[in-house]
Structures are given as structure tokens and as C-alpha cells.
Amino acid sequence: MVGIIHRLLTALSQRDWQNYVEQADTSPMSLLRKRREDARKLRHTLNLVIHTANQRLALPRIGSTFFPRPLGTDWSWRPALWRGPLSTRGLSGATSKAFLGNEIQLFHDCPLREISLRQLRNTREEDLAPFALRLEVFKFQGSFMSIAINLPHDALEGLNKQHVIQLDGIIVSEAPFKIFARLNIKNGPNTEQITQELHVSKNQTSVAFDLADTDINEKRLENAWLDFIFEAPEMNQIVIRDLTFARYLRANI
């Protein structure tokens, strides 16, 4: 009912202003002056509505899972931090093993705790992910720092040695640095690990983890996670604007 009334009032207002346009040549000067002032006030309000709407509509849609996938993909995923707003948007002076959301966990051995994590809203036209992760590191006296991302259980459903797991990301940093991605798959008492260095080209990076050379026990898969390992992160700001995973079968030769 509210929507119907709103549309009716909007239609009546538009009709009134159309009548004012048609009467502008013959209206008394005093009335014309008043309508001009009303029109200026209305134009200012309408411009604000249009400007705000254009800004919001240009942003990536919250909850979006759209991203390019390799041919033959049978599982794909964008972590929750890059899809929608978290209840806790940031961590300051982050301790080791601190969580941001349910899937992202920070590990380090720096006693200074001059590390912060924060979820940001992506606003660039080329961004597909609604949100981003910003990592800021100031003075760092530790020997390691990493971020672990827990993969959902359905990433392991039907997983076998014929699969390749591809990681794609958009990573921006203030200063050059090295970053490694390590895929961990726990199967029974063992954990298989595959490590790849990420080579960022025009802020985009992509690596593939081929499971052919692993010794995973396909019947005892328990959980999987990915580690981002940062080398010499001191005095740097790193923004991961998007992060996606895709799983597909390796082509037989």
C-alpha cells in the first residue's frame, strides 16, 4: 500500500510540474518567481539523489560470487570476507591466531603487535568483489607472518589426485614484497603441502596447485586451508581486493 501511494504521489507531482512548464509563458511574474525558486530547491534534492544512487549502483553487488572460472570447473568459491560485510570489520594491534570473520586467521611472532587487519568496501569500476582485505604492518621484529584461509568442506567432496586447485587474486601493496601461497590438505595423520610464489603482474596473480604429485589419501580427507606467507612485511600496506578459488580436473595426455 505504501508503494502504491508513493507512486501515485510521484505521478501527481510530475503532472503538476508538467503543467507549470506549459503555463510558464502566461503565469504572473510573482507566481513564476516562486515556482522558479521551488524548482531550484527540487533540482538540488534530485541531483543529490541521482549522485548517491550512481555511486551505490556502481559498486560491486554485496554477496556477489561472480568471477571467471576455468573450463571444466566443478567447484568454485570466494571467501565470505570478499563477499559481504563482517560483524567485526577490523582488528588493531592484532595478536597471533586472531580471527577476522570465521575463515581468516592471522599468525605471527612479532612482540610489538603493530599489525592491523580491516575489511574495506571495493569502489573501483574494475572490481568484481564487493569487499577487500587491508593488512597494515608497521615495525616488525618477528620471523614470520601469515594469513590462513579455511576452505569450506565442500572443497574436499570428490577431491582426488586428478584435480587442480587454482587461486586467483588481486593484490596491491605500497612497497614491493614477496608473498607465497601454501595449500594444506589434511588427510588422516598427514598434511600434504604445496607452496607457490605469487608473481603479481598488474596487481593480478594466479597460481595452480596440481595434486598429481601429492600423497593424499582420498578416503581420509579432513580439512584444507591456504596460507599466505609474507616475507619482510615491515612498513607496508597490502590490500587483497579479490580472492577466488576454482577446482577442475587435469587434462589427460
C-alpha atoms as a PDB file:
ATOM      1  CA  MET A   1       0.000   0.000   0.000  1.00  0.00           C
ATOM      2  CA  VAL A   2       2.859   2.378   0.844  1.00  0.00           C
ATOM      3  CA  GLY A   3       4.408   1.692  -2.565  1.00  0.00           C
ATOM      4  CA  ILE A   4       1.128   2.368  -4.364  1.00  0.00           C
ATOM      5  CA  ILE A   5       0.622   5.665  -2.519  1.00  0.00           C
ATOM      6  CA  HIS A   6       4.221   6.703  -3.236  1.00  0.00           C
ATOM      7  CA  ARG A   7       3.838   6.009  -6.977  1.00  0.00           C
ATOM      8  CA  LEU A   8       0.545   7.913  -7.038  1.00  0.00           C
ATOM      9  CA  LEU A   9       2.025  10.964  -5.324  1.00  0.00           C
ATOM     10  CA  THR A  10       5.057  10.875  -7.629  1.00  0.00           C
ATOM     11  CA  ALA A  11       2.785  10.775 -10.702  1.00  0.00           C
ATOM     12  CA  LEU A  12       0.717  13.703  -9.389  1.00  0.00           C
ATOM     13  CA  SER A  13       3.855  15.738  -8.680  1.00  0.00           C
ATOM     14  CA  GLN A  14       5.208  15.057 -12.174  1.00  0.00           C
ATOM     15  CA  ARG A  15       1.860  16.126 -13.688  1.00  0.00           C
ATOM     16  CA  ASP A  16       1.892  19.352 -11.653  1.00  0.00           C
ATOM     17  CA  TRP A  17       5.378  20.252 -12.831  1.00  0.00           C
ATOM     18  CA  GLN A  18       4.444  19.478 -16.423  1.00  0.00           C
ATOM     19  CA  ASN A  19       1.517  21.901 -16.050  1.00  0.00           C
ATOM     20  CA  TYR A  20       3.872  24.542 -14.631  1.00  0.00           C
ATOM     21  CA  VAL A  21       6.051  24.169 -17.734  1.00  0.00           C
ATOM     22  CA  GLU A  22       3.080  24.680 -20.039  1.00  0.00           C
ATOM     23  CA  GLN A  23       1.906  27.719 -18.008  1.00  0.00           C
ATOM     24  CA  ALA A  24       5.342  29.376 -17.716  1.00  0.00           C
ATOM     25  CA  ASP A  25       4.756  31.739 -20.672  1.00  0.00           C
ATOM     26  CA  THR A  26       1.487  33.094 -19.266  1.00  0.00           C
ATOM     27  CA  SER A  27       1.860  32.891 -15.449  1.00  0.00           C
ATOM     28  CA  PRO A  28       2.075  36.136 -13.410  1.00  0.00           C
ATOM     29  CA  MET A  29       5.610  37.204 -12.627  1.00  0.00           C
ATOM     30  CA  SER A  30       5.169  36.729  -8.857  1.00  0.00           C
ATOM     31  CA  LEU A  31       3.935  33.146  -9.323  1.00  0.00           C
ATOM     32  CA  LEU A  32       6.645  32.418 -11.884  1.00  0.00           C
ATOM     33  CA  ARG A  33       9.313  33.681  -9.481  1.00  0.00           C
ATOM     34  CA  LYS A  34       8.006  31.399  -6.691  1.00  0.00           C
ATOM     35  CA  ARG A  35       7.886  28.353  -8.974  1.00  0.00           C
ATOM     36  CA  ARG A  36      11.425  29.051 -10.144  1.00  0.00           C
ATOM     37  CA  GLU A  37      12.637  29.028  -6.518  1.00  0.00           C
ATOM     38  CA  ASP A  38      10.737  25.813  -5.800  1.00  0.00           C
ATOM     39  CA  ALA A  39      12.221  24.227  -8.927  1.00  0.00           C
ATOM     40  CA  ARG A  40      15.764  25.161  -7.873  1.00  0.00           C
ATOM     41  CA  LYS A  41      15.267  23.560  -4.449  1.00  0.00           C
ATOM     42  CA  LEU A  42      13.788  20.448  -6.033  1.00  0.00           C
ATOM     43  CA  ARG A  43      16.612  20.232  -8.575  1.00  0.00           C
ATOM     44  CA  HIS A  44      19.202  20.329  -5.773  1.00  0.00           C
ATOM     45  CA  THR A  45      17.466  17.459  -3.959  1.00  0.00           C
ATOM     46  CA  LEU A  46      17.079  15.422  -7.154  1.00  0.00           C
ATOM     47  CA  ASN A  47      20.766  15.901  -8.032  1.00  0.00           C
ATOM     48  CA  LEU A  48      21.754  14.563  -4.606  1.00  0.00           C
ATOM     49  CA  VAL A  49      19.525  11.504  -5.065  1.00  0.00           C
ATOM     50  CA  ILE A  50      20.966  10.835  -8.543  1.00  0.00           C
ATOM     51  CA  HIS A  51      24.555  11.296  -7.343  1.00  0.00           C
ATOM     52  CA  THR A  52      24.144   8.935  -4.366  1.00  0.00           C
ATOM     53  CA  ALA A  53      22.297   6.356  -6.474  1.00  0.00           C
ATOM     54  CA  ASN A  54      25.005   6.418  -9.170  1.00  0.00           C
ATOM     55  CA  GLN A  55      27.702   5.865  -6.554  1.00  0.00           C
ATOM     56  CA  ARG A  56      25.928   2.918  -4.929  1.00  0.00           C
ATOM     57  CA  LEU A  57      24.836   1.290  -8.177  1.00  0.00           C
ATOM     58  CA  ALA A  58      28.409   1.464  -9.495  1.00  0.00           C
ATOM     59  CA  LEU A  59      29.722  -0.599  -6.555  1.00  0.00           C
ATOM     60  CA  PRO A  60      30.081  -4.390  -6.845  1.00  0.00           C
ATOM     61  CA  ARG A  61      26.910  -6.069  -5.575  1.00  0.00           C
ATOM     62  CA  ILE A  62      27.155  -7.352  -1.985  1.00  0.00           C
ATOM     63  CA  GLY A  63      27.101 -11.145  -1.908  1.00  0.00           C
ATOM     64  CA  SER A  64      28.415 -11.457  -5.455  1.00  0.00           C
ATOM     65  CA  THR A  65      30.009 -14.790  -6.339  1.00  0.00           C
ATOM     66  CA  PHE A  66      30.616 -13.873  -9.972  1.00  0.00           C
ATOM     67  CA  PHE A  67      34.153 -14.308 -11.313  1.00  0.00           C
ATOM     68  CA  PRO A  68      35.740 -16.006 -14.367  1.00  0.00           C
ATOM     69  CA  ARG A  69      36.238 -19.758 -13.922  1.00  0.00           C
ATOM     70  CA  PRO A  70      38.463 -22.157 -15.860  1.00  0.00           C
ATOM     71  CA  LEU A  71      36.765 -24.523 -18.294  1.00  0.00           C
ATOM     72  CA  GLY A  72      35.586 -27.682 -16.531  1.00  0.00           C
ATOM     73  CA  THR A  73      35.380 -26.136 -13.040  1.00  0.00           C
ATOM     74  CA  ASP A  74      33.440 -28.425 -10.669  1.00  0.00           C
ATOM     75  CA  TRP A  75      33.842 -26.317  -7.515  1.00  0.00           C
ATOM     76  CA  SER A  76      34.493 -22.607  -7.003  1.00  0.00           C
ATOM     77  CA  TRP A  77      34.450 -20.227  -4.071  1.00  0.00           C
ATOM     78  CA  ARG A  78      35.020 -16.636  -2.983  1.00  0.00           C
ATOM     79  CA  PRO A  79      35.591 -16.374   0.814  1.00  0.00           C
ATOM     80  CA  ALA A  80      32.981 -14.554   2.900  1.00  0.00           C
ATOM     81  CA  LEU A  81      35.240 -11.583   3.686  1.00  0.00           C
ATOM     82  CA  TRP A  82      35.277 -10.619  -0.013  1.00  0.00           C
ATOM     83  CA  ARG A  83      31.522 -11.268  -0.479  1.00  0.00           C
ATOM     84  CA  GLY A  84      29.737  -9.431   2.321  1.00  0.00           C
ATOM     85  CA  PRO A  85      30.188  -7.275   5.433  1.00  0.00           C
ATOM     86  CA  LEU A  86      31.591  -8.938   8.549  1.00  0.00           C
ATOM     87  CA  SER A  87      30.196  -8.302  12.038  1.00  0.00           C
ATOM     88  CA  THR A  88      33.710  -7.238  13.116  1.00  0.00           C
ATOM     89  CA  ARG A  89      35.231  -5.153  10.331  1.00  0.00           C
ATOM     90  CA  GLY A  90      38.772  -4.823  11.661  1.00  0.00           C
ATOM     91  CA  LEU A  91      41.491  -5.766  14.143  1.00  0.00           C
ATOM     92  CA  SER A  92      44.072  -3.332  15.544  1.00  0.00           C
ATOM     93  CA  GLY A  93      47.183  -4.495  17.381  1.00  0.00           C
ATOM     94  CA  ALA A  94      46.270  -7.977  16.183  1.00  0.00           C
ATOM     95  CA  THR A  95      47.629 -10.879  18.206  1.00  0.00           C
ATOM     96  CA  SER A  96      48.705 -14.178  16.697  1.00  0.00           C
ATOM     97  CA  LYS A  97      45.855 -16.617  15.974  1.00  0.00           C
ATOM     98  CA  ALA A  98      43.331 -13.742  15.889  1.00  0.00           C
ATOM     99  CA  PHE A  99      40.326 -14.301  13.618  1.00  0.00           C
ATOM    100  CA  LEU A 100      38.681 -11.816  11.271  1.00  0.00           C
ATOM    101  CA  GLY A 101      35.386 -13.464  10.469  1.00  0.00           C
ATOM    102  CA  ASN A 102      35.148 -17.245  10.542  1.00  0.00           C
ATOM    103  CA  GLU A 103      37.574 -18.023   7.722  1.00  0.00           C
ATOM    104  CA  ILE A 104      40.549 -15.659   8.096  1.00  0.00           C
ATOM    105  CA  GLN A 105      43.169 -16.146  10.814  1.00  0.00           C
ATOM    106  CA  LEU A 106      46.408 -14.216  11.380  1.00  0.00           C
ATOM    107  CA  PHE A 107      49.645 -15.862  12.575  1.00  0.00           C
ATOM    108  CA  HIS A 108      52.872 -14.090  13.551  1.00  0.00           C
ATOM    109  CA  ASP A 109      55.580 -13.983  16.229  1.00  0.00           C
ATOM    110  CA  CYS A 110      56.081 -10.202  16.422  1.00  0.00           C
ATOM    111  CA  PRO A 111      56.036  -8.950  20.039  1.00  0.00           C
ATOM    112  CA  LEU A 112      55.166  -5.369  19.020  1.00  0.00           C
ATOM    113  CA  ARG A 113      51.714  -6.199  17.625  1.00  0.00           C
ATOM    114  CA  GLU A 114      51.893  -3.257  15.205  1.00  0.00           C
ATOM    115  CA  ILE A 115      49.665  -5.117  12.768  1.00  0.00           C
ATOM    116  CA  SER A 116      46.104  -4.333  11.717  1.00  0.00           C
ATOM    117  CA  LEU A 117      43.548  -6.091   9.534  1.00  0.00           C
ATOM    118  CA  ARG A 118      40.473  -4.389   8.101  1.00  0.00           C
ATOM    119  CA  GLN A 119      37.691  -5.192   5.680  1.00  0.00           C
ATOM    120  CA  LEU A 120      37.166  -2.465   3.068  1.00  0.00           C
ATOM    121  CA  ARG A 121      34.422  -1.757   0.538  1.00  0.00           C
ATOM    122  CA  ASN A 122      35.718  -2.011  -3.026  1.00  0.00           C
ATOM    123  CA  THR A 123      34.826   1.100  -5.064  1.00  0.00           C
ATOM    124  CA  ARG A 124      36.872   0.710  -8.249  1.00  0.00           C
ATOM    125  CA  GLU A 125      34.999   0.191 -11.509  1.00  0.00           C
ATOM    126  CA  GLU A 126      37.019  -2.928 -12.362  1.00  0.00           C
ATOM    127  CA  ASP A 127      36.412  -4.688  -9.022  1.00  0.00           C
ATOM    128  CA  LEU A 128      34.180  -7.772  -9.083  1.00  0.00           C
ATOM    129  CA  ALA A 129      34.401  -8.499  -5.344  1.00  0.00           C
ATOM    130  CA  PRO A 130      32.274  -6.240  -3.103  1.00  0.00           C
ATOM    131  CA  PHE A 131      34.891  -6.129  -0.333  1.00  0.00           C
ATOM    132  CA  ALA A 132      38.663  -6.257   0.174  1.00  0.00           C
ATOM    133  CA  LEU A 133      41.122  -7.075   2.953  1.00  0.00           C
ATOM    134  CA  ARG A 134      43.703  -4.484   4.009  1.00  0.00           C
ATOM    135  CA  LEU A 135      46.755  -5.577   6.002  1.00  0.00           C
ATOM    136  CA  GLU A 136      48.951  -2.875   7.544  1.00  0.00           C
ATOM    137  CA  VAL A 137      52.306  -3.667   9.149  1.00  0.00           C
ATOM    138  CA  PHE A 138      54.472  -1.091  10.865  1.00  0.00           C
ATOM    139  CA  LYS A 139      57.577  -2.027  12.838  1.00  0.00           C
ATOM    140  CA  PHE A 140      58.024  -5.798  12.624  1.00  0.00           C
ATOM    141  CA  GLN A 141      60.513  -7.723  14.763  1.00  0.00           C
ATOM    142  CA  GLY A 142      59.194 -11.234  14.187  1.00  0.00           C
ATOM    143  CA  SER A 143      60.476 -14.024  11.969  1.00  0.00           C
ATOM    144  CA  PHE A 144      57.202 -14.896  10.197  1.00  0.00           C
ATOM    145  CA  MET A 145      53.741 -13.624   9.403  1.00  0.00           C
ATOM    146  CA  SER A 146      50.956 -15.397   7.564  1.00  0.00           C
ATOM    147  CA  ILE A 147      47.214 -15.381   6.999  1.00  0.00           C
ATOM    148  CA  ALA A 148      45.335 -18.681   6.929  1.00  0.00           C
ATOM    149  CA  ILE A 149      42.098 -19.050   4.982  1.00  0.00           C
ATOM    150  CA  ASN A 150      39.979 -22.073   5.858  1.00  0.00           C
ATOM    151  CA  LEU A 151      38.421 -23.718   2.810  1.00  0.00           C
ATOM    152  CA  PRO A 152      34.817 -24.967   3.131  1.00  0.00           C
ATOM    153  CA  HIS A 153      34.180 -28.686   3.471  1.00  0.00           C
ATOM    154  CA  ASP A 154      32.622 -28.951   0.002  1.00  0.00           C
ATOM    155  CA  ALA A 155      36.066 -28.183  -1.460  1.00  0.00           C
ATOM    156  CA  LEU A 156      37.017 -31.733  -0.418  1.00  0.00           C
ATOM    157  CA  GLU A 157      33.918 -33.502  -1.731  1.00  0.00           C
ATOM    158  CA  GLY A 158      35.043 -35.715  -4.617  1.00  0.00           C
ATOM    159  CA  LEU A 159      38.611 -34.332  -4.459  1.00  0.00           C
ATOM    160  CA  ASN A 160      41.265 -36.613  -5.957  1.00  0.00           C
ATOM    161  CA  LYS A 161      44.759 -36.534  -7.426  1.00  0.00           C
ATOM    162  CA  GLN A 162      43.402 -35.645 -10.872  1.00  0.00           C
ATOM    163  CA  HIS A 163      42.308 -32.239  -9.594  1.00  0.00           C
ATOM    164  CA  VAL A 164      43.977 -28.858  -9.921  1.00  0.00           C
ATOM    165  CA  ILE A 165      43.034 -26.082  -7.485  1.00  0.00           C
ATOM    166  CA  GLN A 166      43.513 -22.609  -8.936  1.00  0.00           C
ATOM    167  CA  LEU A 167      43.911 -19.473  -6.871  1.00  0.00           C
ATOM    168  CA  ASP A 168      43.273 -16.051  -8.412  1.00  0.00           C
ATOM    169  CA  GLY A 169      43.703 -12.750  -6.639  1.00  0.00           C
ATOM    170  CA  ILE A 170      44.130  -9.008  -6.991  1.00  0.00           C
ATOM    171  CA  ILE A 171      46.847  -7.830  -4.597  1.00  0.00           C
ATOM    172  CA  VAL A 172      48.101  -4.253  -4.247  1.00  0.00           C
ATOM    173  CA  SER A 173      50.948  -3.119  -1.986  1.00  0.00           C
ATOM    174  CA  GLU A 174      52.680   0.150  -1.149  1.00  0.00           C
ATOM    175  CA  ALA A 175      56.153  -1.403  -1.370  1.00  0.00           C
ATOM    176  CA  PRO A 176      57.431  -4.447  -3.297  1.00  0.00           C
ATOM    177  CA  PHE A 177      57.491  -7.661  -1.286  1.00  0.00           C
ATOM    178  CA  LYS A 178      57.432 -11.426  -1.653  1.00  0.00           C
ATOM    179  CA  ILE A 179      54.353 -13.473  -0.906  1.00  0.00           C
ATOM    180  CA  PHE A 180      53.907 -17.235  -1.029  1.00  0.00           C
ATOM    181  CA  ALA A 181      50.718 -19.284  -1.130  1.00  0.00           C
ATOM    182  CA  ARG A 182      50.735 -22.706   0.542  1.00  0.00           C
ATOM    183  CA  LEU A 183      47.861 -25.138   0.101  1.00  0.00           C
ATOM    184  CA  ASN A 184      47.425 -27.540   3.024  1.00  0.00           C
ATOM    185  CA  ILE A 185      45.260 -30.675   2.833  1.00  0.00           C
ATOM    186  CA  LYS A 186      44.903 -32.737   5.998  1.00  0.00           C
ATOM    187  CA  ASN A 187      44.204 -36.403   5.336  1.00  0.00           C
ATOM    188  CA  GLY A 188      44.300 -38.686   8.345  1.00  0.00           C
ATOM    189  CA  PRO A 189      47.501 -38.123  10.356  1.00  0.00           C
ATOM    190  CA  ASN A 190      49.255 -36.447   7.401  1.00  0.00           C
ATOM    191  CA  THR A 191      49.069 -32.985   5.884  1.00  0.00           C
ATOM    192  CA  GLU A 192      50.061 -32.512   2.261  1.00  0.00           C
ATOM    193  CA  GLN A 193      51.503 -29.078   1.411  1.00  0.00           C
ATOM    194  CA  ILE A 194      52.111 -27.380  -1.929  1.00  0.00           C
ATOM    195  CA  THR A 195      53.836 -23.967  -1.947  1.00  0.00           C
ATOM    196  CA  GLN A 196      53.863 -21.478  -4.805  1.00  0.00           C
ATOM    197  CA  GLU A 197      55.321 -17.984  -5.026  1.00  0.00           C
ATOM    198  CA  LEU A 198      52.808 -15.396  -6.158  1.00  0.00           C
ATOM    199  CA  HIS A 199      54.042 -13.216  -9.000  1.00  0.00           C
ATOM    200  CA  VAL A 200      51.896 -10.107  -9.096  1.00  0.00           C
ATOM    201  CA  SER A 201      51.541  -8.712 -12.628  1.00  0.00           C
ATOM    202  CA  LYS A 202      49.499  -5.511 -12.894  1.00  0.00           C
ATOM    203  CA  ASN A 203      48.199  -6.319  -9.400  1.00  0.00           C
ATOM    204  CA  GLN A 204      46.727  -9.646 -10.576  1.00  0.00           C
ATOM    205  CA  THR A 205      48.071 -13.054  -9.656  1.00  0.00           C
ATOM    206  CA  SER A 206      47.134 -16.638 -10.424  1.00  0.00           C
ATOM    207  CA  VAL A 207      48.654 -19.954  -9.341  1.00  0.00           C
ATOM    208  CA  ALA A 208      47.586 -23.570  -9.810  1.00  0.00           C
ATOM    209  CA  PHE A 209      48.108 -26.334  -7.237  1.00  0.00           C
ATOM    210  CA  ASP A 210      48.357 -29.674  -9.051  1.00  0.00           C
ATOM    211  CA  LEU A 211      47.557 -32.588  -6.746  1.00  0.00           C
ATOM    212  CA  ALA A 212      49.143 -35.189  -9.042  1.00  0.00           C
ATOM    213  CA  ASP A 213      52.428 -35.342  -7.111  1.00  0.00           C
ATOM    214  CA  THR A 214      50.866 -35.435  -3.648  1.00  0.00           C
ATOM    215  CA  ASP A 215      50.247 -38.481  -1.494  1.00  0.00           C
ATOM    216  CA  ILE A 216      46.768 -37.516  -0.339  1.00  0.00           C
ATOM    217  CA  ASN A 217      44.538 -40.311   0.868  1.00  0.00           C
ATOM    218  CA  GLU A 218      41.308 -39.517  -0.969  1.00  0.00           C
ATOM    219  CA  LYS A 219      39.272 -41.558   1.531  1.00  0.00           C
ATOM    220  CA  ARG A 220      40.567 -39.712   4.614  1.00  0.00           C
ATOM    221  CA  LEU A 221      40.278 -36.058   3.656  1.00  0.00           C
ATOM    222  CA  GLU A 222      39.502 -33.942   6.742  1.00  0.00           C
ATOM    223  CA  ASN A 223      40.042 -30.265   6.005  1.00  0.00           C
ATOM    224  CA  ALA A 224      42.016 -27.845   3.845  1.00  0.00           C
ATOM    225  CA  TRP A 225      43.318 -24.323   4.190  1.00  0.00           C
ATOM    226  CA  LEU A 226      45.530 -21.859   2.375  1.00  0.00           C
ATOM    227  CA  ASP A 227      48.370 -19.884   3.947  1.00  0.00           C
ATOM    228  CA  PHE A 228      49.525 -16.533   2.622  1.00  0.00           C
ATOM    229  CA  ILE A 229      53.126 -16.223   3.821  1.00  0.00           C
ATOM    230  CA  PHE A 230      54.549 -12.687   3.780  1.00  0.00           C
ATOM    231  CA  GLU A 231      58.294 -12.110   3.539  1.00  0.00           C
ATOM    232  CA  ALA A 232      59.677  -8.901   5.111  1.00  0.00           C
ATOM    233  CA  PRO A 233      56.282  -7.239   5.640  1.00  0.00           C
ATOM    234  CA  GLU A 234      57.581  -4.309   7.722  1.00  0.00           C
ATOM    235  CA  MET A 235      56.300  -0.802   6.888  1.00  0.00           C
ATOM    236  CA  ASN A 236      53.919  -1.934   4.201  1.00  0.00           C
ATOM    237  CA  GLN A 237      50.237  -1.817   3.387  1.00  0.00           C
ATOM    238  CA  ILE A 238      48.827  -4.747   1.436  1.00  0.00           C
ATOM    239  CA  VAL A 239      45.311  -4.808   0.020  1.00  0.00           C
ATOM    240  CA  ILE A 240      43.844  -8.058  -1.306  1.00  0.00           C
ATOM    241  CA  ARG A 241      40.987  -6.736  -3.437  1.00  0.00           C
ATOM    242  CA  ASP A 242      39.731 -10.121  -4.544  1.00  0.00           C
ATOM    243  CA  LEU A 243      40.439 -13.769  -3.820  1.00  0.00           C
ATOM    244  CA  THR A 244      38.823 -16.724  -5.563  1.00  0.00           C
ATOM    245  CA  PHE A 245      39.322 -20.484  -5.825  1.00  0.00           C
ATOM    246  CA  ALA A 246      38.369 -22.900  -8.611  1.00  0.00           C
ATOM    247  CA  ARG A 247      38.783 -26.683  -8.841  1.00  0.00           C
ATOM    248  CA  TYR A 248      38.906 -28.629 -12.096  1.00  0.00           C
ATOM    249  CA  LEU A 249      40.196 -31.939 -13.451  1.00  0.00           C
ATOM    250  CA  ARG A 250      43.588 -32.002 -15.103  1.00  0.00           C
ATOM    251  CA  ALA A 251      43.500 -32.695 -18.844  1.00  0.00           C
ATOM    252  CA  ASN A 252      44.622 -36.234 -19.659  1.00  0.00           C
ATOM    253  CA  ILE A 253      47.528 -36.533 -22.083  1.00  0.00           C
END
